[in-house]
Amino acid sequence: MTYGPDDLVERDAPEAPFVQLAGILRARLRRGDWKTNRAIPSENVLADHYGLSRPTVRRAIAALVEDGMVYAIPGRGTYVAEQNPEKSSNEPDTAL
């Protein structure tokens, strides 16, 4: 499923809340809501905004870290990574 930057997490949707949130945050990153090497909102802020628990937010952020869209600095926060404009995180890697 594709999520937009202004979507909200739906509790009765078929996908888990952390998957929905990861999709929403990906869309916000692509839109440029946060600048490269700048912090995204904290887990607490995101949890309050989307009505989710911190562990759920943490799982969504972990998915973004795994995708290389953000990076975490312990004790400091989560920051926007340099984005490769030629390849979207949802596109398969076709290199052989």
N, C-alpha and C. Protein backbone atom coordinates (compact mmCIF):
# COMPACT_ATOMS: atom_id res chain seq x y z
N MET A 1 0.84 -1.18 0.00
CA MET A 1 0.00 0.00 0.00
C MET A 1 0.89 1.25 0.00
N THR A 2 0.44 2.28 -0.65
CA THR A 2 1.19 3.52 -0.72
C THR A 2 0.59 4.53 0.25
N TYR A 3 1.46 5.23 0.96
CA TYR A 3 1.02 6.22 1.93
C TYR A 3 1.51 7.60 1.51
N GLY A 4 0.69 8.60 1.79
CA GLY A 4 1.05 9.97 1.49
C GLY A 4 1.57 10.67 2.73
N PRO A 5 2.21 11.81 2.55
CA PRO A 5 2.81 12.52 3.68
C PRO A 5 1.80 13.07 4.68
N ASP A 6 0.56 13.22 4.26
CA ASP A 6 -0.46 13.79 5.15
C ASP A 6 -1.45 12.74 5.67
N ASP A 7 -1.18 11.46 5.39
CA ASP A 7 -2.05 10.39 5.87
C ASP A 7 -1.91 10.22 7.38
N LEU A 8 -2.91 9.58 7.95
CA LEU A 8 -2.88 9.23 9.36
C LEU A 8 -2.88 7.71 9.47
N VAL A 9 -2.46 7.20 10.61
CA VAL A 9 -2.45 5.76 10.86
C VAL A 9 -3.88 5.33 11.18
N GLU A 10 -4.34 4.29 10.48
CA GLU A 10 -5.68 3.76 10.68
C GLU A 10 -5.59 2.45 11.44
N ARG A 11 -6.22 2.39 12.58
CA ARG A 11 -6.14 1.20 13.43
C ARG A 11 -6.79 -0.03 12.80
N ASP A 12 -7.81 0.17 11.96
CA ASP A 12 -8.51 -0.97 11.38
C ASP A 12 -8.00 -1.34 9.98
N ALA A 13 -6.87 -0.78 9.59
CA ALA A 13 -6.27 -1.09 8.28
C ALA A 13 -5.61 -2.47 8.33
N PRO A 14 -5.44 -3.10 7.15
CA PRO A 14 -4.83 -4.44 7.14
C PRO A 14 -3.35 -4.46 7.51
N GLU A 15 -2.65 -3.35 7.32
CA GLU A 15 -1.22 -3.31 7.66
C GLU A 15 -1.03 -2.85 9.09
N ALA A 16 0.04 -3.33 9.71
CA ALA A 16 0.36 -2.97 11.10
C ALA A 16 0.61 -1.46 11.20
N PRO A 17 0.30 -0.87 12.35
CA PRO A 17 0.52 0.57 12.52
C PRO A 17 1.95 1.02 12.24
N PHE A 18 2.96 0.20 12.62
CA PHE A 18 4.34 0.63 12.37
C PHE A 18 4.65 0.66 10.87
N VAL A 19 4.03 -0.23 10.09
CA VAL A 19 4.23 -0.24 8.63
C VAL A 19 3.59 1.01 8.03
N GLN A 20 2.40 1.34 8.50
CA GLN A 20 1.73 2.55 8.02
C GLN A 20 2.56 3.79 8.34
N LEU A 21 3.03 3.88 9.59
CA LEU A 21 3.81 5.05 9.99
C LEU A 21 5.10 5.14 9.19
N ALA A 22 5.77 4.03 8.97
CA ALA A 22 7.00 4.04 8.17
C ALA A 22 6.70 4.58 6.78
N GLY A 23 5.59 4.16 6.18
CA GLY A 23 5.21 4.66 4.87
C GLY A 23 4.92 6.15 4.86
N ILE A 24 4.25 6.62 5.89
CA ILE A 24 3.94 8.05 6.01
C ILE A 24 5.23 8.85 6.17
N LEU A 25 6.12 8.38 7.03
CA LEU A 25 7.38 9.10 7.25
C LEU A 25 8.25 9.07 5.99
N ARG A 26 8.25 7.96 5.24
CA ARG A 26 8.98 7.91 3.96
C ARG A 26 8.47 9.00 3.02
N ALA A 27 7.14 9.12 2.94
CA ALA A 27 6.54 10.13 2.07
C ALA A 27 6.92 11.54 2.52
N ARG A 28 6.95 11.75 3.82
CA ARG A 28 7.35 13.07 4.34
C ARG A 28 8.81 13.36 4.05
N LEU A 29 9.66 12.34 4.15
CA LEU A 29 11.07 12.52 3.82
C LEU A 29 11.24 12.85 2.33
N ARG A 30 10.52 12.13 1.48
CA ARG A 30 10.60 12.39 0.03
C ARG A 30 10.11 13.80 -0.30
N ARG A 31 9.08 14.25 0.41
CA ARG A 31 8.53 15.59 0.19
C ARG A 31 9.49 16.67 0.66
N GLY A 32 10.41 16.30 1.56
CA GLY A 32 11.37 17.28 2.04
C GLY A 32 10.95 18.00 3.31
N ASP A 33 10.11 17.34 4.12
CA ASP A 33 9.67 17.97 5.37
C ASP A 33 10.83 18.26 6.31
N TRP A 34 11.88 17.46 6.23
CA TRP A 34 13.06 17.65 7.07
C TRP A 34 14.30 17.69 6.20
N LYS A 35 15.22 18.55 6.52
CA LYS A 35 16.43 18.72 5.72
C LYS A 35 17.45 17.63 6.05
N THR A 36 18.31 17.34 5.06
CA THR A 36 19.38 16.36 5.22
C THR A 36 20.26 16.73 6.41
N ASN A 37 20.62 15.72 7.19
CA ASN A 37 21.47 15.86 8.38
C ASN A 37 20.83 16.70 9.49
N ARG A 38 19.51 16.82 9.45
CA ARG A 38 18.76 17.48 10.52
C ARG A 38 17.85 16.45 11.18
N ALA A 39 17.56 16.66 12.44
CA ALA A 39 16.76 15.69 13.20
C ALA A 39 15.30 15.69 12.76
N ILE A 40 14.73 14.49 12.76
CA ILE A 40 13.29 14.36 12.59
C ILE A 40 12.68 14.51 14.00
N PRO A 41 11.37 14.68 14.11
CA PRO A 41 10.77 14.78 15.45
C PRO A 41 11.09 13.54 16.31
N SER A 42 11.12 13.75 17.60
CA SER A 42 11.44 12.67 18.54
C SER A 42 10.36 11.59 18.54
N GLU A 43 10.71 10.44 19.10
CA GLU A 43 9.74 9.35 19.23
C GLU A 43 8.50 9.82 19.99
N ASN A 44 8.71 10.58 21.05
CA ASN A 44 7.57 11.06 21.84
C ASN A 44 6.65 11.96 21.02
N VAL A 45 7.23 12.88 20.26
CA VAL A 45 6.44 13.80 19.44
C VAL A 45 5.66 13.02 18.38
N LEU A 46 6.34 12.08 17.70
CA LEU A 46 5.66 11.28 16.68
C LEU A 46 4.56 10.41 17.31
N ALA A 47 4.85 9.82 18.46
CA ALA A 47 3.84 8.99 19.14
C ALA A 47 2.61 9.81 19.49
N ASP A 48 2.81 11.01 20.01
CA ASP A 48 1.67 11.88 20.35
C ASP A 48 0.91 12.31 19.10
N HIS A 49 1.62 12.69 18.07
CA HIS A 49 0.98 13.18 16.84
C HIS A 49 0.14 12.11 16.16
N TYR A 50 0.67 10.89 16.08
CA TYR A 50 -0.03 9.81 15.37
C TYR A 50 -0.84 8.91 16.29
N GLY A 51 -0.84 9.18 17.60
CA GLY A 51 -1.62 8.39 18.54
C GLY A 51 -1.14 6.96 18.68
N LEU A 52 0.18 6.79 18.68
CA LEU A 52 0.79 5.47 18.76
C LEU A 52 1.69 5.36 20.00
N SER A 53 2.10 4.15 20.32
CA SER A 53 3.04 3.95 21.42
C SER A 53 4.46 4.19 20.93
N ARG A 54 5.37 4.48 21.84
CA ARG A 54 6.77 4.68 21.46
C ARG A 54 7.38 3.43 20.84
N PRO A 55 7.10 2.22 21.35
CA PRO A 55 7.66 1.04 20.68
C PRO A 55 7.21 0.91 19.21
N THR A 56 5.98 1.29 18.91
CA THR A 56 5.50 1.25 17.54
C THR A 56 6.25 2.26 16.68
N VAL A 57 6.45 3.46 17.21
CA VAL A 57 7.21 4.50 16.50
C VAL A 57 8.65 4.02 16.30
N ARG A 58 9.21 3.41 17.33
CA ARG A 58 10.58 2.92 17.25
C ARG A 58 10.73 1.89 16.13
N ARG A 59 9.75 0.99 15.97
CA ARG A 59 9.80 0.00 14.89
C ARG A 59 9.73 0.67 13.52
N ALA A 60 8.90 1.70 13.39
CA ALA A 60 8.80 2.42 12.12
C ALA A 60 10.12 3.10 11.78
N ILE A 61 10.74 3.74 12.77
CA ILE A 61 12.02 4.41 12.56
C ILE A 61 13.09 3.39 12.22
N ALA A 62 13.07 2.23 12.86
CA ALA A 62 14.04 1.17 12.57
C ALA A 62 13.94 0.74 11.11
N ALA A 63 12.71 0.69 10.57
CA ALA A 63 12.53 0.35 9.15
C ALA A 63 13.16 1.41 8.26
N LEU A 64 13.05 2.68 8.65
CA LEU A 64 13.66 3.76 7.87
C LEU A 64 15.18 3.72 7.96
N VAL A 65 15.70 3.36 9.12
CA VAL A 65 17.16 3.20 9.27
C VAL A 65 17.63 2.08 8.36
N GLU A 66 16.90 0.98 8.36
CA GLU A 66 17.26 -0.16 7.51
C GLU A 66 17.24 0.21 6.03
N ASP A 67 16.32 1.08 5.64
CA ASP A 67 16.23 1.56 4.26
C ASP A 67 17.30 2.58 3.91
N GLY A 68 18.00 3.08 4.94
CA GLY A 68 19.03 4.10 4.70
C GLY A 68 18.48 5.50 4.54
N MET A 69 17.23 5.70 4.93
CA MET A 69 16.63 7.04 4.80
C MET A 69 16.98 7.94 5.96
N VAL A 70 17.21 7.35 7.13
CA VAL A 70 17.59 8.10 8.32
C VAL A 70 18.70 7.34 9.04
N TYR A 71 19.36 8.02 9.96
CA TYR A 71 20.35 7.36 10.80
C TYR A 71 20.18 7.88 12.23
N ALA A 72 20.49 7.01 13.18
CA ALA A 72 20.31 7.34 14.59
C ALA A 72 21.66 7.59 15.25
N ILE A 73 21.68 8.59 16.12
CA ILE A 73 22.85 8.85 16.96
C ILE A 73 22.37 8.68 18.39
N PRO A 74 22.85 7.64 19.09
CA PRO A 74 22.39 7.39 20.46
C PRO A 74 22.51 8.63 21.35
N GLY A 75 21.44 8.92 22.05
CA GLY A 75 21.41 10.06 22.96
C GLY A 75 21.19 11.40 22.29
N ARG A 76 21.15 11.41 20.97
CA ARG A 76 20.99 12.67 20.22
C ARG A 76 19.71 12.71 19.41
N GLY A 77 19.37 11.61 18.75
CA GLY A 77 18.15 11.60 17.94
C GLY A 77 18.34 10.87 16.63
N THR A 78 17.35 11.04 15.76
CA THR A 78 17.36 10.42 14.44
C THR A 78 17.42 11.52 13.40
N TYR A 79 18.31 11.33 12.42
CA TYR A 79 18.60 12.38 11.44
C TYR A 79 18.35 11.90 10.03
N VAL A 80 18.03 12.83 9.15
CA VAL A 80 17.78 12.53 7.75
C VAL A 80 19.10 12.24 7.04
N ALA A 81 19.16 11.09 6.38
CA ALA A 81 20.36 10.70 5.63
C ALA A 81 20.33 11.34 4.25
N GLU A 82 21.51 11.38 3.62
CA GLU A 82 21.59 11.83 2.23
C GLU A 82 20.74 10.89 1.39
N GLN A 83 19.89 11.43 0.54
CA GLN A 83 19.02 10.61 -0.28
C GLN A 83 19.59 10.47 -1.68
N ASN A 84 19.47 9.27 -2.23
CA ASN A 84 19.89 9.01 -3.61
C ASN A 84 18.70 9.31 -4.51
N PRO A 85 18.72 10.42 -5.25
CA PRO A 85 17.55 10.81 -6.05
C PRO A 85 17.27 9.86 -7.22
N GLU A 86 18.24 9.03 -7.60
CA GLU A 86 18.06 8.14 -8.73
C GLU A 86 17.31 6.87 -8.37
N LYS A 87 17.21 6.54 -7.07
CA LYS A 87 16.57 5.29 -6.68
C LYS A 87 15.67 5.52 -5.49
N SER A 88 14.43 5.16 -5.59
CA SER A 88 13.48 5.23 -4.49
C SER A 88 13.68 3.99 -3.62
N SER A 89 13.36 4.10 -2.33
CA SER A 89 13.52 2.95 -1.44
C SER A 89 12.58 1.81 -1.79
N ASN A 90 11.52 2.08 -2.55
CA ASN A 90 10.57 1.03 -2.91
C ASN A 90 10.93 0.36 -4.23
N GLU A 91 11.95 0.86 -4.93
CA GLU A 91 12.34 0.26 -6.20
C GLU A 91 13.31 -0.88 -5.94
N PRO A 92 13.16 -1.98 -6.65
CA PRO A 92 14.10 -3.09 -6.46
C PRO A 92 15.47 -2.74 -7.00
N ASP A 93 16.47 -3.34 -6.40
CA ASP A 93 17.84 -3.15 -6.85
C ASP A 93 18.06 -4.06 -8.06
N THR A 94 18.31 -3.45 -9.23
CA THR A 94 18.44 -4.24 -10.45
C THR A 94 19.89 -4.49 -10.83
N ALA A 95 20.82 -4.03 -10.02
CA ALA A 95 22.25 -4.25 -10.32
C ALA A 95 22.58 -5.73 -10.21
N LEU A 96 23.38 -6.22 -11.13
CA LEU A 96 23.76 -7.64 -11.09
C LEU A 96 25.15 -7.82 -10.57
